[in-house]
PDB file of N, CA and C in Angstrom:
ATOM      1  N   MET A   1     126.678 106.461  36.896  1.00  0.00           N
ATOM      2  CA  MET A   1     125.696 105.779  36.091  1.00  0.00           C
ATOM      3  C   MET A   1     125.289 104.487  36.814  1.00  0.00           C
ATOM      4  N   PRO A   2     123.995 104.237  36.959  1.00  0.00           N
ATOM      5  CA  PRO A   2     123.553 103.009  37.633  1.00  0.00           C
ATOM      6  C   PRO A   2     123.843 101.776  36.773  1.00  0.00           C
ATOM      7  N   VAL A   3     124.048 100.658  37.426  1.00  0.00           N
ATOM      8  CA  VAL A   3     124.233  99.384  36.738  1.00  0.00           C
ATOM      9  C   VAL A   3     123.100  98.454  37.151  1.00  0.00           C
ATOM     10  N   VAL A   4     122.845  97.445  36.335  1.00  0.00           N
ATOM     11  CA  VAL A   4     121.823  96.438  36.619  1.00  0.00           C
ATOM     12  C   VAL A   4     122.555  95.143  36.940  1.00  0.00           C
ATOM     13  N   SER A   5     122.125  94.466  37.983  1.00  0.00           N
ATOM     14  CA  SER A   5     122.800  93.248  38.402  1.00  0.00           C
ATOM     15  C   SER A   5     121.927  92.022  38.202  1.00  0.00           C
ATOM     16  N   ASN A   6     122.592  90.907  37.922  1.00  0.00           N
ATOM     17  CA  ASN A   6     121.898  89.631  37.938  1.00  0.00           C
ATOM     18  C   ASN A   6     122.099  89.026  39.328  1.00  0.00           C
ATOM     19  N   PRO A   7     121.486  87.892  39.634  1.00  0.00           N
ATOM     20  CA  PRO A   7     121.534  87.360  41.001  1.00  0.00           C
ATOM     21  C   PRO A   7     122.909  86.872  41.467  1.00  0.00           C
ATOM     22  N   SER A   8     123.745  86.384  40.580  1.00  0.00           N
ATOM     23  CA  SER A   8     124.992  85.736  40.999  1.00  0.00           C
ATOM     24  C   SER A   8     125.905  86.618  41.844  1.00  0.00           C
ATOM     25  N   PRO A   9     126.273  87.831  41.394  1.00  0.00           N
ATOM     26  CA  PRO A   9     127.171  88.625  42.234  1.00  0.00           C
ATOM     27  C   PRO A   9     126.525  89.048  43.551  1.00  0.00           C
ATOM     28  N   ILE A  10     125.246  89.313  43.530  1.00  0.00           N
ATOM     29  CA  ILE A  10     124.557  89.719  44.759  1.00  0.00           C
ATOM     30  C   ILE A  10     124.561  88.571  45.756  1.00  0.00           C
ATOM     31  N   LEU A  11     124.180  87.391  45.313  1.00  0.00           N
ATOM     32  CA  LEU A  11     124.108  86.237  46.206  1.00  0.00           C
ATOM     33  C   LEU A  11     125.490  85.857  46.734  1.00  0.00           C
ATOM     34  N   ASN A  12     126.462  85.788  45.864  1.00  0.00           N
ATOM     35  CA  ASN A  12     127.802  85.375  46.298  1.00  0.00           C
ATOM     36  C   ASN A  12     128.432  86.376  47.263  1.00  0.00           C
ATOM     37  N   LEU A  13     128.256  87.659  47.013  1.00  0.00           N
ATOM     38  CA  LEU A  13     128.786  88.659  47.944  1.00  0.00           C
ATOM     39  C   LEU A  13     128.010  88.675  49.257  1.00  0.00           C
ATOM     40  N   ALA A  14     126.723  88.409  49.194  1.00  0.00           N
ATOM     41  CA  ALA A  14     125.927  88.356  50.424  1.00  0.00           C
ATOM     42  C   ALA A  14     126.356  87.183  51.296  1.00  0.00           C
ATOM     43  N   ILE A  15     126.664  86.061  50.684  1.00  0.00           N
ATOM     44  CA  ILE A  15     127.080  84.877  51.438  1.00  0.00           C
ATOM     45  C   ILE A  15     128.345  85.166  52.240  1.00  0.00           C
ATOM     46  N   VAL A  16     129.266  85.925  51.672  1.00  0.00           N
ATOM     47  CA  VAL A  16     130.520  86.249  52.386  1.00  0.00           C
ATOM     48  C   VAL A  16     130.451  87.611  53.078  1.00  0.00           C
ATOM     49  N   ASN A  17     129.225  88.149  53.200  1.00  0.00           N
ATOM     50  CA  ASN A  17     128.975  89.408  53.907  1.00  0.00           C
ATOM     51  C   ASN A  17     129.790  90.572  53.337  1.00  0.00           C
ATOM     52  N   GLN A  18     129.811  90.690  52.011  1.00  0.00           N
ATOM     53  CA  GLN A  18     130.586  91.752  51.364  1.00  0.00           C
ATOM     54  C   GLN A  18     129.771  92.503  50.306  1.00  0.00           C
ATOM     55  N   LEU A  19     128.475  92.659  50.519  1.00  0.00           N
ATOM     56  CA  LEU A  19     127.643  93.401  49.563  1.00  0.00           C
ATOM     57  C   LEU A  19     128.127  94.833  49.361  1.00  0.00           C
ATOM     58  N   ILE A  20     128.789  95.373  50.347  1.00  0.00           N
ATOM     59  CA  ILE A  20     129.303  96.744  50.248  1.00  0.00           C
ATOM     60  C   ILE A  20     130.225  96.915  49.048  1.00  0.00           C
ATOM     61  N   LEU A  21     130.873  95.836  48.629  1.00  0.00           N
ATOM     62  CA  LEU A  21     131.783  95.928  47.483  1.00  0.00           C
ATOM     63  C   LEU A  21     131.057  96.350  46.208  1.00  0.00           C
ATOM     64  N   LEU A  22     129.814  95.906  46.027  1.00  0.00           N
ATOM     65  CA  LEU A  22     129.044  96.335  44.848  1.00  0.00           C
ATOM     66  C   LEU A  22     128.840  97.841  44.875  1.00  0.00           C
ATOM     67  N   HIS A  23     128.456  98.357  46.029  1.00  0.00           N
ATOM     68  CA  HIS A  23     128.233  99.799  46.147  1.00  0.00           C
ATOM     69  C   HIS A  23     129.532 100.578  45.960  1.00  0.00           C
ATOM     70  N   GLN A  24     130.608 100.075  46.524  1.00  0.00           N
ATOM     71  CA  GLN A  24     131.895 100.768  46.388  1.00  0.00           C
ATOM     72  C   GLN A  24     132.360 100.793  44.938  1.00  0.00           C
ATOM     73  N   GLN A  25     132.100  99.738  44.204  1.00  0.00           N
ATOM     74  CA  GLN A  25     132.563  99.647  42.819  1.00  0.00           C
ATOM     75  C   GLN A  25     131.665 100.423  41.849  1.00  0.00           C
ATOM     76  N   PHE A  26     130.352 100.349  42.049  1.00  0.00           N
ATOM     77  CA  PHE A  26     129.426 100.882  41.049  1.00  0.00           C
ATOM     78  C   PHE A  26     128.539 102.023  41.529  1.00  0.00           C
ATOM     79  N   GLY A  27     128.440 102.248  42.821  1.00  0.00           N
ATOM     80  CA  GLY A  27     127.537 103.293  43.306  1.00  0.00           C
ATOM     81  C   GLY A  27     126.104 102.795  43.320  1.00  0.00           C
ATOM     82  N   GLU A  28     125.332 103.194  42.347  1.00  0.00           N
ATOM     83  CA  GLU A  28     123.918 102.812  42.293  1.00  0.00           C
ATOM     84  C   GLU A  28     123.747 101.512  41.516  1.00  0.00           C
ATOM     85  N   ILE A  29     123.090 100.539  42.141  1.00  0.00           N
ATOM     86  CA  ILE A  29     122.831  99.246  41.510  1.00  0.00           C
ATOM     87  C   ILE A  29     121.328  99.049  41.430  1.00  0.00           C
ATOM     88  N   LEU A  30     120.834  98.775  40.248  1.00  0.00           N
ATOM     89  CA  LEU A  30     119.416  98.513  40.055  1.00  0.00           C
ATOM     90  C   LEU A  30     119.191  97.004  40.060  1.00  0.00           C
ATOM     91  N   ILE A  31     118.209  96.565  40.831  1.00  0.00           N
ATOM     92  CA  ILE A  31     117.905  95.148  40.930  1.00  0.00           C
ATOM     93  C   ILE A  31     116.484  94.944  40.406  1.00  0.00           C
ATOM     94  N   PRO A  32     116.352  94.372  39.205  1.00  0.00           N
ATOM     95  CA  PRO A  32     115.016  94.134  38.648  1.00  0.00           C
ATOM     96  C   PRO A  32     114.194  93.208  39.549  1.00  0.00           C
ATOM     97  N   SER A  33     112.884  93.332  39.484  1.00  0.00           N
ATOM     98  CA  SER A  33     112.016  92.524  40.345  1.00  0.00           C
ATOM     99  C   SER A  33     112.211  91.029  40.109  1.00  0.00           C
ATOM    100  N   ALA A  34     112.480  90.614  38.881  1.00  0.00           N
ATOM    101  CA  ALA A  34     112.720  89.193  38.601  1.00  0.00           C
ATOM    102  C   ALA A  34     113.972  88.700  39.331  1.00  0.00           C
ATOM    103  N   VAL A  35     114.997  89.543  39.415  1.00  0.00           N
ATOM    104  CA  VAL A  35     116.222  89.185  40.136  1.00  0.00           C
ATOM    105  C   VAL A  35     115.920  89.107  41.629  1.00  0.00           C
ATOM    106  N   LEU A  36     115.181  90.051  42.140  1.00  0.00           N
ATOM    107  CA  LEU A  36     114.814  90.055  43.557  1.00  0.00           C
ATOM    108  C   LEU A  36     114.039  88.795  43.910  1.00  0.00           C
ATOM    109  N   ASP A  37     113.119  88.387  43.043  1.00  0.00           N
ATOM    110  CA  ASP A  37     112.361  87.155  43.273  1.00  0.00           C
ATOM    111  C   ASP A  37     113.290  85.943  43.301  1.00  0.00           C
ATOM    112  N   GLU A  38     114.263  85.922  42.424  1.00  0.00           N
ATOM    113  CA  GLU A  38     115.191  84.798  42.346  1.00  0.00           C
ATOM    114  C   GLU A  38     116.102  84.726  43.568  1.00  0.00           C
ATOM    115  N   LEU A  39     116.392  85.865  44.201  1.00  0.00           N
ATOM    116  CA  LEU A  39     117.268  85.885  45.367  1.00  0.00           C
ATOM    117  C   LEU A  39     116.583  85.311  46.608  1.00  0.00           C
ATOM    118  N   LYS A  40     115.274  85.253  46.610  1.00  0.00           N
ATOM    119  CA  LYS A  40     114.510  84.670  47.733  1.00  0.00           C
ATOM    120  C   LYS A  40     114.908  85.317  49.061  1.00  0.00           C
ATOM    121  N   VAL A  41     114.805  86.627  49.125  1.00  0.00           N
ATOM    122  CA  VAL A  41     115.268  87.387  50.286  1.00  0.00           C
ATOM    123  C   VAL A  41     114.517  87.053  51.578  1.00  0.00           C
ATOM    124  N   SER A  42     113.359  86.444  51.479  1.00  0.00           N
ATOM    125  CA  SER A  42     112.592  86.154  52.702  1.00  0.00           C
ATOM    126  C   SER A  42     112.946  84.797  53.314  1.00  0.00           C
ATOM    127  N   GLU A  43     113.809  84.023  52.674  1.00  0.00           N
ATOM    128  CA  GLU A  43     114.182  82.725  53.203  1.00  0.00           C
ATOM    129  C   GLU A  43     115.346  82.840  54.186  1.00  0.00           C
ATOM    130  N   ASP A  44     115.428  81.892  55.062  1.00  0.00           N
ATOM    131  CA  ASP A  44     116.502  81.868  56.058  1.00  0.00           C
ATOM    132  C   ASP A  44     117.625  80.968  55.530  1.00  0.00           C
ATOM    133  N   ARG A  45     118.371  81.480  54.558  1.00  0.00           N
ATOM    134  CA  ARG A  45     119.460  80.742  53.941  1.00  0.00           C
ATOM    135  C   ARG A  45     120.670  81.677  53.818  1.00  0.00           C
ATOM    136  N   PRO A  46     121.864  81.125  53.675  1.00  0.00           N
ATOM    137  CA  PRO A  46     123.036  81.980  53.516  1.00  0.00           C
ATOM    138  C   PRO A  46     122.869  82.917  52.324  1.00  0.00           C
ATOM    139  N   GLY A  47     123.130  84.194  52.544  1.00  0.00           N
ATOM    140  CA  GLY A  47     123.016  85.181  51.493  1.00  0.00           C
ATOM    141  C   GLY A  47     121.648  85.805  51.354  1.00  0.00           C
ATOM    142  N   SER A  48     120.652  85.255  52.048  1.00  0.00           N
ATOM    143  CA  SER A  48     119.286  85.815  51.924  1.00  0.00           C
ATOM    144  C   SER A  48     119.208  87.168  52.603  1.00  0.00           C
TER     145      SER A  48
END
């Protein structure tokens, strides 16, 4: 079953280069567009 994530776990795991843990724990993760906007993936910052 897919889960929906808020920005905090994604950002914190990205900062420590461990995003794989989300996939290992939950399989499919849905990221709403509002969450994606909040993550600022196009910026050159830790976790982006």
